[in-house]
Amino acid sequence: QCGEWNEADVFDADLGSIGTLTSITAYSWIRDDAPEGAFAGLQRKTLTRSGSDLTRKGWTQELRLASPADQTISYLAGLYYLNEDVDYTTELEFGPGADRFFLFGAKLGDGYTSLYRQKTKSFAAFGQLKFNVTDQLHLIGGLRYTDDKKNASSFVTTLPGTSGVFKALIQNDTNRPGLKRS
């Protein structure tokens, strides 16, 4: 099952000589399920089962205040927030032809399931000043502060009966700080 949904809502409020207040709220959702084909290029007899499942959902909010553009000194100031979750699952099980295709000696039934999750929260504040010296000369300066927080986890599980050679390869590949496996 695959799908994508995106929406953005923009609201502008004219505040007269102060400027324009703009609010932009956006939502997104993506689902990509690729059963029996996630590992294109491998022959059918090499894999008994393969697939992947990706889900990403998030929303953003931006508020900004912009002065009227026709002033000698104009400004833009704003805040931005992002909240996003990503889940990605991959499954792979080798079929009877695996030992001919892979040099490391994968056997029938060797395989794994992996799950990756990531949560992101980001906050930013930004501003810009523009000084119109003349109609042809403008001085522009700006600043942005961003604070990102990411949490991620990865779990890899080999299938029951998986050979020791394949388990060792999977464990070496996932034996990095911060990753968990079972």
C-alpha atoms as a PDB file:
ATOM      1  CA  GLN A   1       0.000   0.000   0.000  1.00  0.00           C
ATOM      2  CA  CYS A   2       1.495   3.312  -1.070  1.00  0.00           C
ATOM      3  CA  GLY A   3       0.201   6.784  -0.581  1.00  0.00           C
ATOM      4  CA  GLU A   4       1.092  10.380   0.032  1.00  0.00           C
ATOM      5  CA  TRP A   5      -0.838  13.238   1.528  1.00  0.00           C
ATOM      6  CA  ASN A   6       0.384  16.827   1.891  1.00  0.00           C
ATOM      7  CA  GLU A   7      -1.466  19.941   2.893  1.00  0.00           C
ATOM      8  CA  ALA A   8      -0.401  23.479   3.654  1.00  0.00           C
ATOM      9  CA  ASP A   9      -2.623  26.206   5.048  1.00  0.00           C
ATOM     10  CA  VAL A  10      -1.502  29.831   4.733  1.00  0.00           C
ATOM     11  CA  PHE A  11      -3.093  32.683   6.646  1.00  0.00           C
ATOM     12  CA  ASP A  12      -2.074  36.338   6.168  1.00  0.00           C
ATOM     13  CA  ALA A  13      -3.181  39.175   8.433  1.00  0.00           C
ATOM     14  CA  ASP A  14      -2.556  42.772   7.377  1.00  0.00           C
ATOM     15  CA  LEU A  15      -1.424  44.717  10.441  1.00  0.00           C
ATOM     16  CA  GLY A  16      -1.227  48.071   8.657  1.00  0.00           C
ATOM     17  CA  SER A  17       2.009  50.016   9.172  1.00  0.00           C
ATOM     18  CA  ILE A  18       3.433  47.187  11.341  1.00  0.00           C
ATOM     19  CA  GLY A  19       3.421  44.765   8.411  1.00  0.00           C
ATOM     20  CA  THR A  20       1.939  41.384   7.540  1.00  0.00           C
ATOM     21  CA  LEU A  21       1.673  38.449   9.911  1.00  0.00           C
ATOM     22  CA  THR A  22       1.809  35.119   8.063  1.00  0.00           C
ATOM     23  CA  SER A  23       1.061  31.679   9.473  1.00  0.00           C
ATOM     24  CA  ILE A  24       1.950  28.568   7.451  1.00  0.00           C
ATOM     25  CA  THR A  25       0.879  25.188   8.808  1.00  0.00           C
ATOM     26  CA  ALA A  26       1.803  22.094   6.811  1.00  0.00           C
ATOM     27  CA  TYR A  27       1.051  18.410   7.285  1.00  0.00           C
ATOM     28  CA  SER A  28       2.529  15.468   5.402  1.00  0.00           C
ATOM     29  CA  TRP A  29       2.141  11.713   5.425  1.00  0.00           C
ATOM     30  CA  ILE A  30       3.917   9.201   3.204  1.00  0.00           C
ATOM     31  CA  ARG A  31       3.442   5.433   3.157  1.00  0.00           C
ATOM     32  CA  ASP A  32       5.500   3.228   0.866  1.00  0.00           C
ATOM     33  CA  ASP A  33       5.001  -0.504   1.202  1.00  0.00           C
ATOM     34  CA  ALA A  34       7.148  -2.520  -1.188  1.00  0.00           C
ATOM     35  CA  PRO A  35       6.371  -6.210  -0.643  1.00  0.00           C
ATOM     36  CA  GLU A  36       8.106  -8.867  -2.730  1.00  0.00           C
ATOM     37  CA  GLY A  37      10.339  -6.527  -4.644  1.00  0.00           C
ATOM     38  CA  ALA A  38      12.220  -4.309  -2.274  1.00  0.00           C
ATOM     39  CA  PHE A  39      15.486  -5.891  -3.390  1.00  0.00           C
ATOM     40  CA  ALA A  40      15.153  -5.506  -7.151  1.00  0.00           C
ATOM     41  CA  GLY A  41      17.831  -7.214  -9.157  1.00  0.00           C
ATOM     42  CA  LEU A  42      17.949 -10.374  -7.054  1.00  0.00           C
ATOM     43  CA  GLN A  43      16.469 -13.382  -8.780  1.00  0.00           C
ATOM     44  CA  ARG A  44      13.172 -14.738  -7.416  1.00  0.00           C
ATOM     45  CA  LYS A  45      14.761 -18.090  -6.572  1.00  0.00           C
ATOM     46  CA  THR A  46      17.379 -16.251  -4.488  1.00  0.00           C
ATOM     47  CA  LEU A  47      14.806 -14.756  -2.103  1.00  0.00           C
ATOM     48  CA  THR A  48      11.881 -16.486  -0.448  1.00  0.00           C
ATOM     49  CA  ARG A  49      10.561 -13.246   1.060  1.00  0.00           C
ATOM     50  CA  SER A  50      11.568  -9.600   0.810  1.00  0.00           C
ATOM     51  CA  GLY A  51       9.909  -6.316   1.424  1.00  0.00           C
ATOM     52  CA  SER A  52      10.071  -2.926   3.033  1.00  0.00           C
ATOM     53  CA  ASP A  53       7.626  -0.580   4.671  1.00  0.00           C
ATOM     54  CA  LEU A  54       8.255   3.151   5.105  1.00  0.00           C
ATOM     55  CA  THR A  55       5.957   5.530   6.958  1.00  0.00           C
ATOM     56  CA  ARG A  56       6.771   9.201   7.429  1.00  0.00           C
ATOM     57  CA  LYS A  57       4.473  11.728   9.015  1.00  0.00           C
ATOM     58  CA  GLY A  58       5.077  15.236  10.145  1.00  0.00           C
ATOM     59  CA  TRP A  59       3.882  18.747  10.532  1.00  0.00           C
ATOM     60  CA  THR A  60       5.445  22.195  10.507  1.00  0.00           C
ATOM     61  CA  GLN A  61       4.374  25.590  11.750  1.00  0.00           C
ATOM     62  CA  GLU A  62       5.873  28.903  10.692  1.00  0.00           C
ATOM     63  CA  LEU A  63       4.940  32.349  11.959  1.00  0.00           C
ATOM     64  CA  ARG A  64       6.552  35.398  10.447  1.00  0.00           C
ATOM     65  CA  LEU A  65       6.122  39.138  10.591  1.00  0.00           C
ATOM     66  CA  ALA A  66       7.198  41.174   7.563  1.00  0.00           C
ATOM     67  CA  SER A  67       7.242  44.958   7.511  1.00  0.00           C
ATOM     68  CA  PRO A  68       5.919  46.874   4.510  1.00  0.00           C
ATOM     69  CA  ALA A  69       8.543  46.660   1.737  1.00  0.00           C
ATOM     70  CA  ASP A  70       8.514  50.343   0.784  1.00  0.00           C
ATOM     71  CA  GLN A  71      10.212  51.586   3.965  1.00  0.00           C
ATOM     72  CA  THR A  72      13.810  52.756   4.308  1.00  0.00           C
ATOM     73  CA  ILE A  73      14.368  50.034   6.891  1.00  0.00           C
ATOM     74  CA  SER A  74      12.348  46.841   6.532  1.00  0.00           C
ATOM     75  CA  TYR A  75      12.373  43.678   8.583  1.00  0.00           C
ATOM     76  CA  LEU A  76      11.329  40.053   8.643  1.00  0.00           C
ATOM     77  CA  ALA A  77      11.144  38.031  11.867  1.00  0.00           C
ATOM     78  CA  GLY A  78       9.798  34.589  12.493  1.00  0.00           C
ATOM     79  CA  LEU A  79       9.579  31.264  14.291  1.00  0.00           C
ATOM     80  CA  TYR A  80       9.584  27.766  12.801  1.00  0.00           C
ATOM     81  CA  TYR A  81       8.726  24.355  14.299  1.00  0.00           C
ATOM     82  CA  LEU A  82       9.026  20.836  12.801  1.00  0.00           C
ATOM     83  CA  ASN A  83       7.784  17.546  14.258  1.00  0.00           C
ATOM     84  CA  GLU A  84       8.452  14.387  12.206  1.00  0.00           C
ATOM     85  CA  ASP A  85       8.316  10.612  12.783  1.00  0.00           C
ATOM     86  CA  VAL A  86       9.859   8.003  10.458  1.00  0.00           C
ATOM     87  CA  ASP A  87       9.370   4.225  10.710  1.00  0.00           C
ATOM     88  CA  TYR A  88      11.152   1.891   8.285  1.00  0.00           C
ATOM     89  CA  THR A  89      10.941  -1.907   8.342  1.00  0.00           C
ATOM     90  CA  THR A  90      12.849  -4.277   6.056  1.00  0.00           C
ATOM     91  CA  GLU A  91      12.437  -8.045   5.761  1.00  0.00           C
ATOM     92  CA  LEU A  92      14.641 -10.441   3.856  1.00  0.00           C
ATOM     93  CA  GLU A  93      14.679 -14.250   3.720  1.00  0.00           C
ATOM     94  CA  PHE A  94      16.972 -16.174   1.381  1.00  0.00           C
ATOM     95  CA  GLY A  95      15.661 -18.871  -0.912  1.00  0.00           C
ATOM     96  CA  PRO A  96      17.287 -22.024  -2.311  1.00  0.00           C
ATOM     97  CA  GLY A  97      19.502 -20.172  -4.804  1.00  0.00           C
ATOM     98  CA  ALA A  98      21.104 -17.876  -2.217  1.00  0.00           C
ATOM     99  CA  ASP A  99      24.277 -19.944  -1.793  1.00  0.00           C
ATOM    100  CA  ARG A 100      25.126 -19.445  -5.490  1.00  0.00           C
ATOM    101  CA  PHE A 101      24.435 -15.714  -5.453  1.00  0.00           C
ATOM    102  CA  PHE A 102      26.160 -14.638  -2.234  1.00  0.00           C
ATOM    103  CA  LEU A 103      29.838 -15.367  -1.706  1.00  0.00           C
ATOM    104  CA  PHE A 104      29.548 -15.527   2.079  1.00  0.00           C
ATOM    105  CA  GLY A 105      27.480 -18.723   1.935  1.00  0.00           C
ATOM    106  CA  ALA A 106      23.927 -17.695   2.802  1.00  0.00           C
ATOM    107  CA  LYS A 107      21.698 -20.718   3.277  1.00  0.00           C
ATOM    108  CA  LEU A 108      18.018 -21.384   2.654  1.00  0.00           C
ATOM    109  CA  GLY A 109      16.061 -19.687   5.425  1.00  0.00           C
ATOM    110  CA  ASP A 110      18.777 -17.201   6.427  1.00  0.00           C
ATOM    111  CA  GLY A 111      17.300 -13.763   6.855  1.00  0.00           C
ATOM    112  CA  TYR A 112      16.505 -10.831   9.083  1.00  0.00           C
ATOM    113  CA  THR A 113      13.951  -8.229  10.002  1.00  0.00           C
ATOM    114  CA  SER A 114      15.092  -4.700  10.790  1.00  0.00           C
ATOM    115  CA  LEU A 115      13.163  -1.810  12.266  1.00  0.00           C
ATOM    116  CA  TYR A 116      14.414   1.779  12.202  1.00  0.00           C
ATOM    117  CA  ARG A 117      12.633   4.631  13.971  1.00  0.00           C
ATOM    118  CA  GLN A 118      13.497   8.294  14.083  1.00  0.00           C
ATOM    119  CA  LYS A 119      11.766  11.212  15.781  1.00  0.00           C
ATOM    120  CA  THR A 120      12.764  14.775  14.952  1.00  0.00           C
ATOM    121  CA  LYS A 121      11.783  18.012  16.632  1.00  0.00           C
ATOM    122  CA  SER A 122      13.243  21.257  15.386  1.00  0.00           C
ATOM    123  CA  PHE A 123      12.744  24.856  16.485  1.00  0.00           C
ATOM    124  CA  ALA A 124      14.127  27.949  14.780  1.00  0.00           C
ATOM    125  CA  ALA A 125      13.976  31.709  15.236  1.00  0.00           C
ATOM    126  CA  PHE A 126      15.083  33.997  12.435  1.00  0.00           C
ATOM    127  CA  GLY A 127      15.271  37.637  11.499  1.00  0.00           C
ATOM    128  CA  GLN A 128      16.420  39.933   8.720  1.00  0.00           C
ATOM    129  CA  LEU A 129      16.921  43.685   8.403  1.00  0.00           C
ATOM    130  CA  LYS A 130      17.114  45.509   5.099  1.00  0.00           C
ATOM    131  CA  PHE A 131      18.383  49.082   4.822  1.00  0.00           C
ATOM    132  CA  ASN A 132      17.572  50.746   1.493  1.00  0.00           C
ATOM    133  CA  VAL A 133      20.455  53.219   1.167  1.00  0.00           C
ATOM    134  CA  THR A 134      19.320  54.229  -2.337  1.00  0.00           C
ATOM    135  CA  ASP A 135      17.041  52.694  -4.974  1.00  0.00           C
ATOM    136  CA  GLN A 136      20.088  50.809  -6.255  1.00  0.00           C
ATOM    137  CA  LEU A 137      21.946  50.025  -3.003  1.00  0.00           C
ATOM    138  CA  HIS A 138      20.562  47.827  -0.221  1.00  0.00           C
ATOM    139  CA  LEU A 139      22.274  46.490   2.897  1.00  0.00           C
ATOM    140  CA  ILE A 140      20.822  43.235   4.208  1.00  0.00           C
ATOM    141  CA  GLY A 141      21.720  41.320   7.371  1.00  0.00           C
ATOM    142  CA  GLY A 142      20.093  38.324   8.972  1.00  0.00           C
ATOM    143  CA  LEU A 143      20.396  35.737  11.735  1.00  0.00           C
ATOM    144  CA  ARG A 144      18.934  32.302  12.360  1.00  0.00           C
ATOM    145  CA  TYR A 145      19.042  30.086  15.430  1.00  0.00           C
ATOM    146  CA  THR A 146      18.068  26.401  15.101  1.00  0.00           C
ATOM    147  CA  ASP A 147      17.721  23.736  17.778  1.00  0.00           C
ATOM    148  CA  ASP A 148      17.305  20.186  16.404  1.00  0.00           C
ATOM    149  CA  LYS A 149      16.571  17.160  18.530  1.00  0.00           C
ATOM    150  CA  LYS A 150      16.679  13.687  16.950  1.00  0.00           C
ATOM    151  CA  ASN A 151      16.093  10.329  18.558  1.00  0.00           C
ATOM    152  CA  ALA A 152      16.711   7.186  16.535  1.00  0.00           C
ATOM    153  CA  SER A 153      16.688   3.480  17.227  1.00  0.00           C
ATOM    154  CA  SER A 154      17.397   0.449  15.107  1.00  0.00           C
ATOM    155  CA  PHE A 155      16.552  -3.153  15.917  1.00  0.00           C
ATOM    156  CA  VAL A 156      17.773  -6.078  13.821  1.00  0.00           C
ATOM    157  CA  THR A 157      16.540  -9.614  14.429  1.00  0.00           C
ATOM    158  CA  THR A 158      17.745 -12.647  12.510  1.00  0.00           C
ATOM    159  CA  LEU A 159      15.165 -15.275  11.609  1.00  0.00           C
ATOM    160  CA  PRO A 160      15.057 -18.531  13.632  1.00  0.00           C
ATOM    161  CA  GLY A 161      17.446 -21.098  12.153  1.00  0.00           C
ATOM    162  CA  THR A 162      19.673 -18.494  10.516  1.00  0.00           C
ATOM    163  CA  SER A 163      23.219 -19.804   9.987  1.00  0.00           C
ATOM    164  CA  GLY A 164      26.078 -18.612  12.174  1.00  0.00           C
ATOM    165  CA  VAL A 165      27.896 -17.067   9.195  1.00  0.00           C
ATOM    166  CA  PHE A 166      24.942 -14.856   8.296  1.00  0.00           C
ATOM    167  CA  LYS A 167      24.303 -13.935  11.963  1.00  0.00           C
ATOM    168  CA  ALA A 168      27.939 -12.858  12.302  1.00  0.00           C
ATOM    169  CA  LEU A 169      27.638 -10.667   9.185  1.00  0.00           C
ATOM    170  CA  ILE A 170      24.446  -9.027  10.421  1.00  0.00           C
ATOM    171  CA  GLN A 171      25.900  -8.457  13.898  1.00  0.00           C
ATOM    172  CA  ASN A 172      29.099  -6.931  12.495  1.00  0.00           C
ATOM    173  CA  ASP A 173      27.051  -4.618  10.278  1.00  0.00           C
ATOM    174  CA  THR A 174      24.830  -3.489  13.165  1.00  0.00           C
ATOM    175  CA  ASN A 175      27.478  -3.454  15.908  1.00  0.00           C
ATOM    176  CA  ARG A 176      27.677   0.324  16.117  1.00  0.00           C
ATOM    177  CA  PRO A 177      27.135   2.548  19.169  1.00  0.00           C
ATOM    178  CA  GLY A 178      23.488   3.396  19.681  1.00  0.00           C
ATOM    179  CA  LEU A 179      22.084   0.413  17.762  1.00  0.00           C
ATOM    180  CA  LYS A 180      20.245  -2.410  19.482  1.00  0.00           C
ATOM    181  CA  ARG A 181      19.831  -5.916  18.117  1.00  0.00           C
ATOM    182  CA  SER A 182      18.291  -9.150  19.265  1.00  0.00           C
END
